[in-house]
PDB file of all heavy atoms in Angstrom:
ATOM      1  N   ARG A   1       0.832  -1.208   0.000  1.00  0.00           N
ATOM      2  CA  ARG A   1       0.000   0.000   0.000  1.00  0.00           C
ATOM      3  C   ARG A   1       0.864   1.254   0.000  1.00  0.00           C
ATOM      4  O   ARG A   1       0.575   2.231  -0.721  1.00  0.00           O
ATOM      5  CB  ARG A   1      -0.911  -0.006   1.228  1.00  0.00           C
ATOM      6  CG  ARG A   1      -1.816   1.216   1.361  1.00  0.00           C
ATOM      7  CD  ARG A   1      -2.415   1.292   2.748  1.00  0.00           C
ATOM      8  NE  ARG A   1      -1.431   1.690   3.754  1.00  0.00           N
ATOM      9  CZ  ARG A   1      -1.640   1.638   5.077  1.00  0.00           C
ATOM     10  NH1 ARG A   1      -2.791   1.174   5.541  1.00  0.00           N
ATOM     11  NH2 ARG A   1      -0.706   2.028   5.916  1.00  0.00           N
ATOM     12  N   GLU A   2       1.920   1.250   0.796  1.00  0.00           N
ATOM     13  CA  GLU A   2       2.775   2.426   0.891  1.00  0.00           C
ATOM     14  C   GLU A   2       3.580   2.642  -0.388  1.00  0.00           C
ATOM     15  O   GLU A   2       3.800   3.786  -0.797  1.00  0.00           O
ATOM     16  CB  GLU A   2       3.707   2.293   2.106  1.00  0.00           C
ATOM     17  CG  GLU A   2       2.970   2.268   3.437  1.00  0.00           C
ATOM     18  CD  GLU A   2       2.099   3.495   3.643  1.00  0.00           C
ATOM     19  OE1 GLU A   2       2.560   4.619   3.368  1.00  0.00           O
ATOM     20  OE2 GLU A   2       0.935   3.322   4.072  1.00  0.00           O
ATOM     21  N   LEU A   3       4.017   1.561  -1.017  1.00  0.00           N
ATOM     22  CA  LEU A   3       4.711   1.711  -2.298  1.00  0.00           C
ATOM     23  C   LEU A   3       3.764   2.296  -3.345  1.00  0.00           C
ATOM     24  O   LEU A   3       4.143   3.184  -4.128  1.00  0.00           O
ATOM     25  CB  LEU A   3       5.253   0.365  -2.767  1.00  0.00           C
ATOM     26  CG  LEU A   3       6.340  -0.296  -1.904  1.00  0.00           C
ATOM     27  CD1 LEU A   3       6.750  -1.630  -2.513  1.00  0.00           C
ATOM     28  CD2 LEU A   3       7.550   0.630  -1.757  1.00  0.00           C
ATOM     29  N   ASP A   4       2.541   1.805  -3.364  1.00  0.00           N
ATOM     30  CA  ASP A   4       1.558   2.303  -4.325  1.00  0.00           C
ATOM     31  C   ASP A   4       1.255   3.772  -4.077  1.00  0.00           C
ATOM     32  O   ASP A   4       1.092   4.552  -5.026  1.00  0.00           O
ATOM     33  CB  ASP A   4       0.280   1.470  -4.229  1.00  0.00           C
ATOM     34  CG  ASP A   4      -0.773   1.911  -5.232  1.00  0.00           C
ATOM     35  OD1 ASP A   4      -0.546   1.730  -6.443  1.00  0.00           O
ATOM     36  OD2 ASP A   4      -1.819   2.460  -4.806  1.00  0.00           O
ATOM     37  N   ARG A   5       1.184   4.139  -2.829  1.00  0.00           N
ATOM     38  CA  ARG A   5       0.905   5.537  -2.490  1.00  0.00           C
ATOM     39  C   ARG A   5       1.978   6.475  -3.050  1.00  0.00           C
ATOM     40  O   ARG A   5       1.688   7.613  -3.416  1.00  0.00           O
ATOM     41  CB  ARG A   5       0.828   5.678  -0.962  1.00  0.00           C
ATOM     42  CG  ARG A   5       0.426   7.038  -0.464  1.00  0.00           C
ATOM     43  CD  ARG A   5       0.286   7.035   1.048  1.00  0.00           C
ATOM     44  NE  ARG A   5      -0.025   8.372   1.529  1.00  0.00           N
ATOM     45  CZ  ARG A   5       0.883   9.305   1.774  1.00  0.00           C
ATOM     46  NH1 ARG A   5       2.172   9.025   1.600  1.00  0.00           N
ATOM     47  NH2 ARG A   5       0.532  10.507   2.194  1.00  0.00           N
ATOM     48  N   LEU A   6       3.206   5.990  -3.114  1.00  0.00           N
ATOM     49  CA  LEU A   6       4.314   6.789  -3.648  1.00  0.00           C
ATOM     50  C   LEU A   6       4.488   6.606  -5.155  1.00  0.00           C
ATOM     51  O   LEU A   6       5.370   7.229  -5.751  1.00  0.00           O
ATOM     52  CB  LEU A   6       5.620   6.414  -2.936  1.00  0.00           C
ATOM     53  CG  LEU A   6       5.696   6.791  -1.456  1.00  0.00           C
ATOM     54  CD1 LEU A   6       6.922   6.152  -0.808  1.00  0.00           C
ATOM     55  CD2 LEU A   6       5.746   8.313  -1.291  1.00  0.00           C
ATOM     56  N   GLY A   7       3.689   5.742  -5.742  1.00  0.00           N
ATOM     57  CA  GLY A   7       3.794   5.495  -7.171  1.00  0.00           C
ATOM     58  C   GLY A   7       5.012   4.673  -7.558  1.00  0.00           C
ATOM     59  O   GLY A   7       5.462   4.735  -8.712  1.00  0.00           O
ATOM     60  N   LEU A   8       5.535   3.874  -6.641  1.00  0.00           N
ATOM     61  CA  LEU A   8       6.738   3.084  -6.910  1.00  0.00           C
ATOM     62  C   LEU A   8       6.359   1.732  -7.501  1.00  0.00           C
ATOM     63  O   LEU A   8       5.487   1.042  -6.980  1.00  0.00           O
ATOM     64  CB  LEU A   8       7.545   2.905  -5.627  1.00  0.00           C
ATOM     65  CG  LEU A   8       8.065   4.209  -4.993  1.00  0.00           C
ATOM     66  CD1 LEU A   8       8.839   3.910  -3.708  1.00  0.00           C
ATOM     67  CD2 LEU A   8       8.937   4.977  -5.975  1.00  0.00           C
ATOM     68  N   ARG A   9       7.063   1.359  -8.581  1.00  0.00           N
ATOM     69  CA  ARG A   9       6.756   0.114  -9.290  1.00  0.00           C
ATOM     70  C   ARG A   9       7.951  -0.825  -9.394  1.00  0.00           C
ATOM     71  O   ARG A   9       7.793  -1.996  -9.737  1.00  0.00           O
ATOM     72  CB  ARG A   9       6.260   0.446 -10.716  1.00  0.00           C
ATOM     73  CG  ARG A   9       4.953   1.249 -10.749  1.00  0.00           C
ATOM     74  CD  ARG A   9       3.796   0.406 -10.265  1.00  0.00           C
ATOM     75  NE  ARG A   9       2.521   1.146 -10.275  1.00  0.00           N
ATOM     76  CZ  ARG A   9       2.024   1.774  -9.233  1.00  0.00           C
ATOM     77  NH1 ARG A   9       2.688   1.763  -8.066  1.00  0.00           N
ATOM     78  NH2 ARG A   9       0.883   2.416  -9.312  1.00  0.00           N
ATOM     79  N   ARG A  10       9.166  -0.313  -9.119  1.00  0.00           N
ATOM     80  CA  ARG A  10      10.374  -1.145  -9.213  1.00  0.00           C
ATOM     81  C   ARG A  10      11.360  -0.690  -8.138  1.00  0.00           C
ATOM     82  O   ARG A  10      12.197   0.180  -8.393  1.00  0.00           O
ATOM     83  CB  ARG A  10      11.023  -1.047 -10.595  1.00  0.00           C
ATOM     84  CG  ARG A  10      10.263  -1.757 -11.703  1.00  0.00           C
ATOM     85  CD  ARG A  10      11.012  -1.649 -13.027  1.00  0.00           C
ATOM     86  NE  ARG A  10      12.365  -2.196 -12.958  1.00  0.00           N
ATOM     87  CZ  ARG A  10      12.655  -3.506 -13.049  1.00  0.00           C
ATOM     88  NH1 ARG A  10      11.677  -4.397 -13.213  1.00  0.00           N
ATOM     89  NH2 ARG A  10      13.896  -3.923 -12.994  1.00  0.00           N
ATOM     90  N   VAL A  11      11.254  -1.259  -6.948  1.00  0.00           N
ATOM     91  CA  VAL A  11      12.153  -0.841  -5.868  1.00  0.00           C
ATOM     92  C   VAL A  11      13.320  -1.815  -5.747  1.00  0.00           C
ATOM     93  O   VAL A  11      13.167  -3.033  -5.915  1.00  0.00           O
ATOM     94  CB  VAL A  11      11.417  -0.735  -4.516  1.00  0.00           C
ATOM     95  CG1 VAL A  11      10.398   0.382  -4.549  1.00  0.00           C
ATOM     96  CG2 VAL A  11      10.763  -2.052  -4.129  1.00  0.00           C
ATOM     97  N   LEU A  12      14.480  -1.264  -5.478  1.00  0.00           N
ATOM     98  CA  LEU A  12      15.662  -2.064  -5.189  1.00  0.00           C
ATOM     99  C   LEU A  12      15.708  -2.289  -3.687  1.00  0.00           C
ATOM    100  O   LEU A  12      15.771  -1.338  -2.903  1.00  0.00           O
ATOM    101  CB  LEU A  12      16.924  -1.329  -5.646  1.00  0.00           C
ATOM    102  CG  LEU A  12      18.256  -2.058  -5.401  1.00  0.00           C
ATOM    103  CD1 LEU A  12      18.329  -3.338  -6.228  1.00  0.00           C
ATOM    104  CD2 LEU A  12      19.435  -1.133  -5.720  1.00  0.00           C
ATOM    105  N   VAL A  13      15.634  -3.556  -3.270  1.00  0.00           N
ATOM    106  CA  VAL A  13      15.655  -3.899  -1.848  1.00  0.00           C
ATOM    107  C   VAL A  13      17.104  -3.929  -1.382  1.00  0.00           C
ATOM    108  O   VAL A  13      17.951  -4.612  -1.976  1.00  0.00           O
ATOM    109  CB  VAL A  13      14.983  -5.251  -1.594  1.00  0.00           C
ATOM    110  CG1 VAL A  13      15.008  -5.581  -0.100  1.00  0.00           C
ATOM    111  CG2 VAL A  13      13.539  -5.234  -2.100  1.00  0.00           C
ATOM    112  N   LEU A  14      17.394  -3.207  -0.304  1.00  0.00           N
ATOM    113  CA  LEU A  14      18.747  -3.098   0.227  1.00  0.00           C
ATOM    114  C   LEU A  14      18.837  -3.773   1.584  1.00  0.00           C
ATOM    115  O   LEU A  14      17.903  -3.715   2.381  1.00  0.00           O
ATOM    116  CB  LEU A  14      19.149  -1.628   0.379  1.00  0.00           C
ATOM    117  CG  LEU A  14      19.015  -0.732  -0.846  1.00  0.00           C
ATOM    118  CD1 LEU A  14      19.327   0.722  -0.465  1.00  0.00           C
ATOM    119  CD2 LEU A  14      19.927  -1.197  -1.968  1.00  0.00           C
ATOM    120  N   SER A  15      20.002  -4.380   1.868  1.00  0.00           N
ATOM    121  CA  SER A  15      20.234  -4.970   3.181  1.00  0.00           C
ATOM    122  C   SER A  15      21.726  -5.173   3.377  1.00  0.00           C
ATOM    123  O   SER A  15      22.518  -4.996   2.442  1.00  0.00           O
ATOM    124  CB  SER A  15      19.515  -6.320   3.324  1.00  0.00           C
ATOM    125  OG  SER A  15      20.226  -7.345   2.645  1.00  0.00           O
ATOM    126  N   THR A  16      22.099  -5.564   4.576  1.00  0.00           N
ATOM    127  CA  THR A  16      23.458  -6.027   4.844  1.00  0.00           C
ATOM    128  C   THR A  16      23.547  -7.501   4.445  1.00  0.00           C
ATOM    129  O   THR A  16      22.515  -8.163   4.268  1.00  0.00           O
ATOM    130  CB  THR A  16      23.802  -5.896   6.330  1.00  0.00           C
ATOM    131  OG1 THR A  16      22.877  -6.710   7.084  1.00  0.00           O
ATOM    132  CG2 THR A  16      23.695  -4.447   6.796  1.00  0.00           C
ATOM    133  N   PRO A  17      24.760  -8.040   4.339  1.00  0.00           N
ATOM    134  CA  PRO A  17      24.871  -9.480   4.070  1.00  0.00           C
ATOM    135  C   PRO A  17      24.167 -10.325   5.125  1.00  0.00           C
ATOM    136  O   PRO A  17      23.593 -11.375   4.803  1.00  0.00           O
ATOM    137  CB  PRO A  17      26.384  -9.717   4.076  1.00  0.00           C
ATOM    138  CG  PRO A  17      26.974  -8.404   3.651  1.00  0.00           C
ATOM    139  CD  PRO A  17      26.083  -7.371   4.268  1.00  0.00           C
ATOM    140  N   GLY A  18      24.188  -9.871   6.376  1.00  0.00           N
ATOM    141  CA  GLY A  18      23.558 -10.636   7.439  1.00  0.00           C
ATOM    142  C   GLY A  18      22.054 -10.711   7.329  1.00  0.00           C
ATOM    143  O   GLY A  18      21.426 -11.614   7.914  1.00  0.00           O
ATOM    144  N   GLN A  19      21.432  -9.780   6.609  1.00  0.00           N
ATOM    145  CA  GLN A  19      19.970  -9.796   6.441  1.00  0.00           C
ATOM    146  C   GLN A  19      19.576 -10.109   5.013  1.00  0.00           C
ATOM    147  O   GLN A  19      18.450  -9.842   4.596  1.00  0.00           O
ATOM    148  CB  GLN A  19      19.379  -8.456   6.882  1.00  0.00           C
ATOM    149  CG  GLN A  19      19.466  -8.222   8.381  1.00  0.00           C
ATOM    150  CD  GLN A  19      18.674  -7.000   8.826  1.00  0.00           C
ATOM    151  OE1 GLN A  19      19.000  -5.879   8.460  1.00  0.00           O
ATOM    152  NE2 GLN A  19      17.651  -7.220   9.624  1.00  0.00           N
ATOM    153  N   ALA A  20      20.511 -10.718   4.279  1.00  0.00           N
ATOM    154  CA  ALA A  20      20.250 -11.006   2.871  1.00  0.00           C
ATOM    155  C   ALA A  20      19.052 -11.926   2.689  1.00  0.00           C
ATOM    156  O   ALA A  20      18.236 -11.730   1.776  1.00  0.00           O
ATOM    157  CB  ALA A  20      21.493 -11.613   2.228  1.00  0.00           C
ATOM    158  N   ALA A  21      18.929 -12.943   3.533  1.00  0.00           N
ATOM    159  CA  ALA A  21      17.809 -13.876   3.388  1.00  0.00           C
ATOM    160  C   ALA A  21      16.474 -13.167   3.578  1.00  0.00           C
ATOM    161  O   ALA A  21      15.520 -13.398   2.814  1.00  0.00           O
ATOM    162  CB  ALA A  21      17.958 -15.027   4.383  1.00  0.00           C
ATOM    163  N   ALA A  22      16.394 -12.296   4.589  1.00  0.00           N
ATOM    164  CA  ALA A  22      15.159 -11.551   4.819  1.00  0.00           C
ATOM    165  C   ALA A  22      14.869 -10.611   3.655  1.00  0.00           C
ATOM    166  O   ALA A  22      13.707 -10.432   3.255  1.00  0.00           O
ATOM    167  CB  ALA A  22      15.258 -10.766   6.124  1.00  0.00           C
ATOM    168  N   ALA A  23      15.924 -10.015   3.092  1.00  0.00           N
ATOM    169  CA  ALA A  23      15.738  -9.104   1.956  1.00  0.00           C
ATOM    170  C   ALA A  23      15.237  -9.861   0.731  1.00  0.00           C
ATOM    171  O   ALA A  23      14.345  -9.389   0.011  1.00  0.00           O
ATOM    172  CB  ALA A  23      17.051  -8.388   1.643  1.00  0.00           C
ATOM    173  N   ARG A  24      15.808 -11.046   0.488  1.00  0.00           N
ATOM    174  CA  ARG A  24      15.362 -11.843  -0.660  1.00  0.00           C
ATOM    175  C   ARG A  24      13.910 -12.299  -0.478  1.00  0.00           C
ATOM    176  O   ARG A  24      13.118 -12.299  -1.436  1.00  0.00           O
ATOM    177  CB  ARG A  24      16.282 -13.039  -0.856  1.00  0.00           C
ATOM    178  CG  ARG A  24      17.658 -12.667  -1.423  1.00  0.00           C
ATOM    179  CD  ARG A  24      18.395 -13.905  -1.909  1.00  0.00           C
ATOM    180  NE  ARG A  24      18.719 -14.812  -0.818  1.00  0.00           N
ATOM    181  CZ  ARG A  24      19.837 -14.768  -0.110  1.00  0.00           C
ATOM    182  NH1 ARG A  24      20.754 -13.834  -0.392  1.00  0.00           N
ATOM    183  NH2 ARG A  24      20.069 -15.631   0.865  1.00  0.00           N
ATOM    184  N   ALA A  25      13.572 -12.667   0.753  1.00  0.00           N
ATOM    185  CA  ALA A  25      12.191 -13.077   1.004  1.00  0.00           C
ATOM    186  C   ALA A  25      11.221 -11.927   0.764  1.00  0.00           C
ATOM    187  O   ALA A  25      10.128 -12.112   0.202  1.00  0.00           O
ATOM    188  CB  ALA A  25      12.056 -13.584   2.441  1.00  0.00           C
ATOM    189  N   LEU A  26      11.634 -10.733   1.166  1.00  0.00           N
ATOM    190  CA  LEU A  26      10.788  -9.570   0.939  1.00  0.00           C
ATOM    191  C   LEU A  26      10.674  -9.277  -0.555  1.00  0.00           C
ATOM    192  O   LEU A  26       9.594  -8.934  -1.058  1.00  0.00           O
ATOM    193  CB  LEU A  26      11.362  -8.366   1.683  1.00  0.00           C
ATOM    194  CG  LEU A  26      10.472  -7.129   1.794  1.00  0.00           C
ATOM    195  CD1 LEU A  26       9.141  -7.470   2.442  1.00  0.00           C
ATOM    196  CD2 LEU A  26      11.178  -6.036   2.592  1.00  0.00           C
ATOM    197  N   GLY A  27      11.789  -9.443  -1.269  1.00  0.00           N
ATOM    198  CA  GLY A  27      11.758  -9.240  -2.708  1.00  0.00           C
ATOM    199  C   GLY A  27      10.832 -10.219  -3.406  1.00  0.00           C
ATOM    200  O   GLY A  27      10.090  -9.862  -4.327  1.00  0.00           O
ATOM    201  N   GLU A  28      10.862 -11.475  -2.954  1.00  0.00           N
ATOM    202  CA  GLU A  28       9.967 -12.485  -3.537  1.00  0.00           C
ATOM    203  C   GLU A  28       8.512 -12.140  -3.251  1.00  0.00           C
ATOM    204  O   GLU A  28       7.636 -12.337  -4.105  1.00  0.00           O
ATOM    205  CB  GLU A  28      10.326 -13.858  -2.974  1.00  0.00           C
ATOM    206  CG  GLU A  28      11.671 -14.376  -3.465  1.00  0.00           C
ATOM    207  CD  GLU A  28      12.072 -15.669  -2.785  1.00  0.00           C
ATOM    208  OE1 GLU A  28      11.257 -16.190  -1.974  1.00  0.00           O
ATOM    209  OE2 GLU A  28      13.188 -16.160  -3.033  1.00  0.00           O
ATOM    210  N   ARG A  29       8.263 -11.654  -2.063  1.00  0.00           N
ATOM    211  CA  ARG A  29       6.889 -11.263  -1.727  1.00  0.00           C
ATOM    212  C   ARG A  29       6.405 -10.132  -2.639  1.00  0.00           C
ATOM    213  O   ARG A  29       5.240 -10.123  -3.071  1.00  0.00           O
ATOM    214  CB  ARG A  29       6.836 -10.814  -0.270  1.00  0.00           C
ATOM    215  CG  ARG A  29       5.553 -10.084   0.106  1.00  0.00           C
ATOM    216  CD  ARG A  29       5.587  -9.583   1.531  1.00  0.00           C
ATOM    217  NE  ARG A  29       4.763  -8.382   1.703  1.00  0.00           N
ATOM    218  CZ  ARG A  29       4.624  -7.732   2.852  1.00  0.00           C
ATOM    219  NH1 ARG A  29       5.238  -8.181   3.939  1.00  0.00           N
ATOM    220  NH2 ARG A  29       3.860  -6.650   2.918  1.00  0.00           N
ATOM    221  N   LEU A  30       7.289  -9.198  -2.950  1.00  0.00           N
ATOM    222  CA  LEU A  30       6.892  -8.049  -3.768  1.00  0.00           C
ATOM    223  C   LEU A  30       6.706  -8.417  -5.236  1.00  0.00           C
ATOM    224  O   LEU A  30       6.020  -7.706  -5.972  1.00  0.00           O
ATOM    225  CB  LEU A  30       7.935  -6.935  -3.648  1.00  0.00           C
ATOM    226  CG  LEU A  30       8.017  -6.242  -2.290  1.00  0.00           C
ATOM    227  CD1 LEU A  30       9.175  -5.262  -2.271  1.00  0.00           C
ATOM    228  CD2 LEU A  30       6.712  -5.525  -1.966  1.00  0.00           C
ATOM    229  N   GLY A  31       7.337  -9.510  -5.663  1.00  0.00           N
ATOM    230  CA  GLY A  31       7.190  -9.937  -7.054  1.00  0.00           C
ATOM    231  C   GLY A  31       7.662  -8.881  -8.032  1.00  0.00           C
ATOM    232  O   GLY A  31       8.793  -8.393  -7.930  1.00  0.00           O
ATOM    233  N   PRO A  32       6.825  -8.495  -8.991  1.00  0.00           N
ATOM    234  CA  PRO A  32       7.257  -7.522 -10.009  1.00  0.00           C
ATOM    235  C   PRO A  32       7.545  -6.129  -9.443  1.00  0.00           C
ATOM    236  O   PRO A  32       8.156  -5.302 -10.135  1.00  0.00           O
ATOM    237  CB  PRO A  32       6.075  -7.480 -10.985  1.00  0.00           C
ATOM    238  CG  PRO A  32       4.903  -7.986 -10.205  1.00  0.00           C
ATOM    239  CD  PRO A  32       5.459  -8.984  -9.244  1.00  0.00           C
ATOM    240  N   LEU A  33       7.135  -5.853  -8.209  1.00  0.00           N
ATOM    241  CA  LEU A  33       7.457  -4.562  -7.603  1.00  0.00           C
ATOM    242  C   LEU A  33       8.923  -4.480  -7.180  1.00  0.00           C
ATOM    243  O   LEU A  33       9.415  -3.400  -6.850  1.00  0.00           O
ATOM    244  CB  LEU A  33       6.574  -4.318  -6.376  1.00  0.00           C
ATOM    245  CG  LEU A  33       5.086  -4.084  -6.629  1.00  0.00           C
ATOM    246  CD1 LEU A  33       4.344  -3.972  -5.291  1.00  0.00           C
ATOM    247  CD2 LEU A  33       4.878  -2.828  -7.458  1.00  0.00           C
ATOM    248  N   CYS A  34       9.616  -5.609  -7.176  1.00  0.00           N
ATOM    249  CA  CYS A  34      11.024  -5.660  -6.777  1.00  0.00           C
ATOM    250  C   CYS A  34      11.910  -5.660  -8.013  1.00  0.00           C
ATOM    251  O   CYS A  34      11.832  -6.567  -8.850  1.00  0.00           O
ATOM    252  CB  CYS A  34      11.286  -6.895  -5.925  1.00  0.00           C
ATOM    253  SG  CYS A  34      13.023  -7.103  -5.467  1.00  0.00           S
ATOM    254  N   ALA A  35      12.770  -4.668  -8.107  1.00  0.00           N
ATOM    255  CA  ALA A  35      13.708  -4.589  -9.229  1.00  0.00           C
ATOM    256  C   ALA A  35      14.931  -5.464  -8.993  1.00  0.00           C
ATOM    257  O   ALA A  35      15.669  -5.773  -9.926  1.00  0.00           O
ATOM    258  CB  ALA A  35      14.149  -3.139  -9.446  1.00  0.00           C
ATOM    259  N   GLY A  36      15.173  -5.864  -7.750  1.00  0.00           N
ATOM    260  CA  GLY A  36      16.329  -6.666  -7.402  1.00  0.00           C
ATOM    261  C   GLY A  36      16.682  -6.488  -5.948  1.00  0.00           C
ATOM    262  O   GLY A  36      16.053  -5.691  -5.236  1.00  0.00           O
ATOM    263  N   VAL A  37      17.698  -7.213  -5.503  1.00  0.00           N
ATOM    264  CA  VAL A  37      18.172  -7.140  -4.124  1.00  0.00           C
ATOM    265  C   VAL A  37      19.658  -6.824  -4.144  1.00  0.00           C
ATOM    266  O   VAL A  37      20.428  -7.494  -4.846  1.00  0.00           O
ATOM    267  CB  VAL A  37      17.925  -8.461  -3.370  1.00  0.00           C
ATOM    268  CG1 VAL A  37      18.539  -8.406  -1.976  1.00  0.00           C
ATOM    269  CG2 VAL A  37      16.430  -8.755  -3.288  1.00  0.00           C
TER     270      VAL A  37
END
């Protein structure tokens, strides 16, 4: 909802190496809204 409110359609998910798994999971959840990790 918040991404849509800002008109964002391709976000790059950022994290540290230690949170890479959580970042990838979030990217998978976002599907086409995720430009990459």
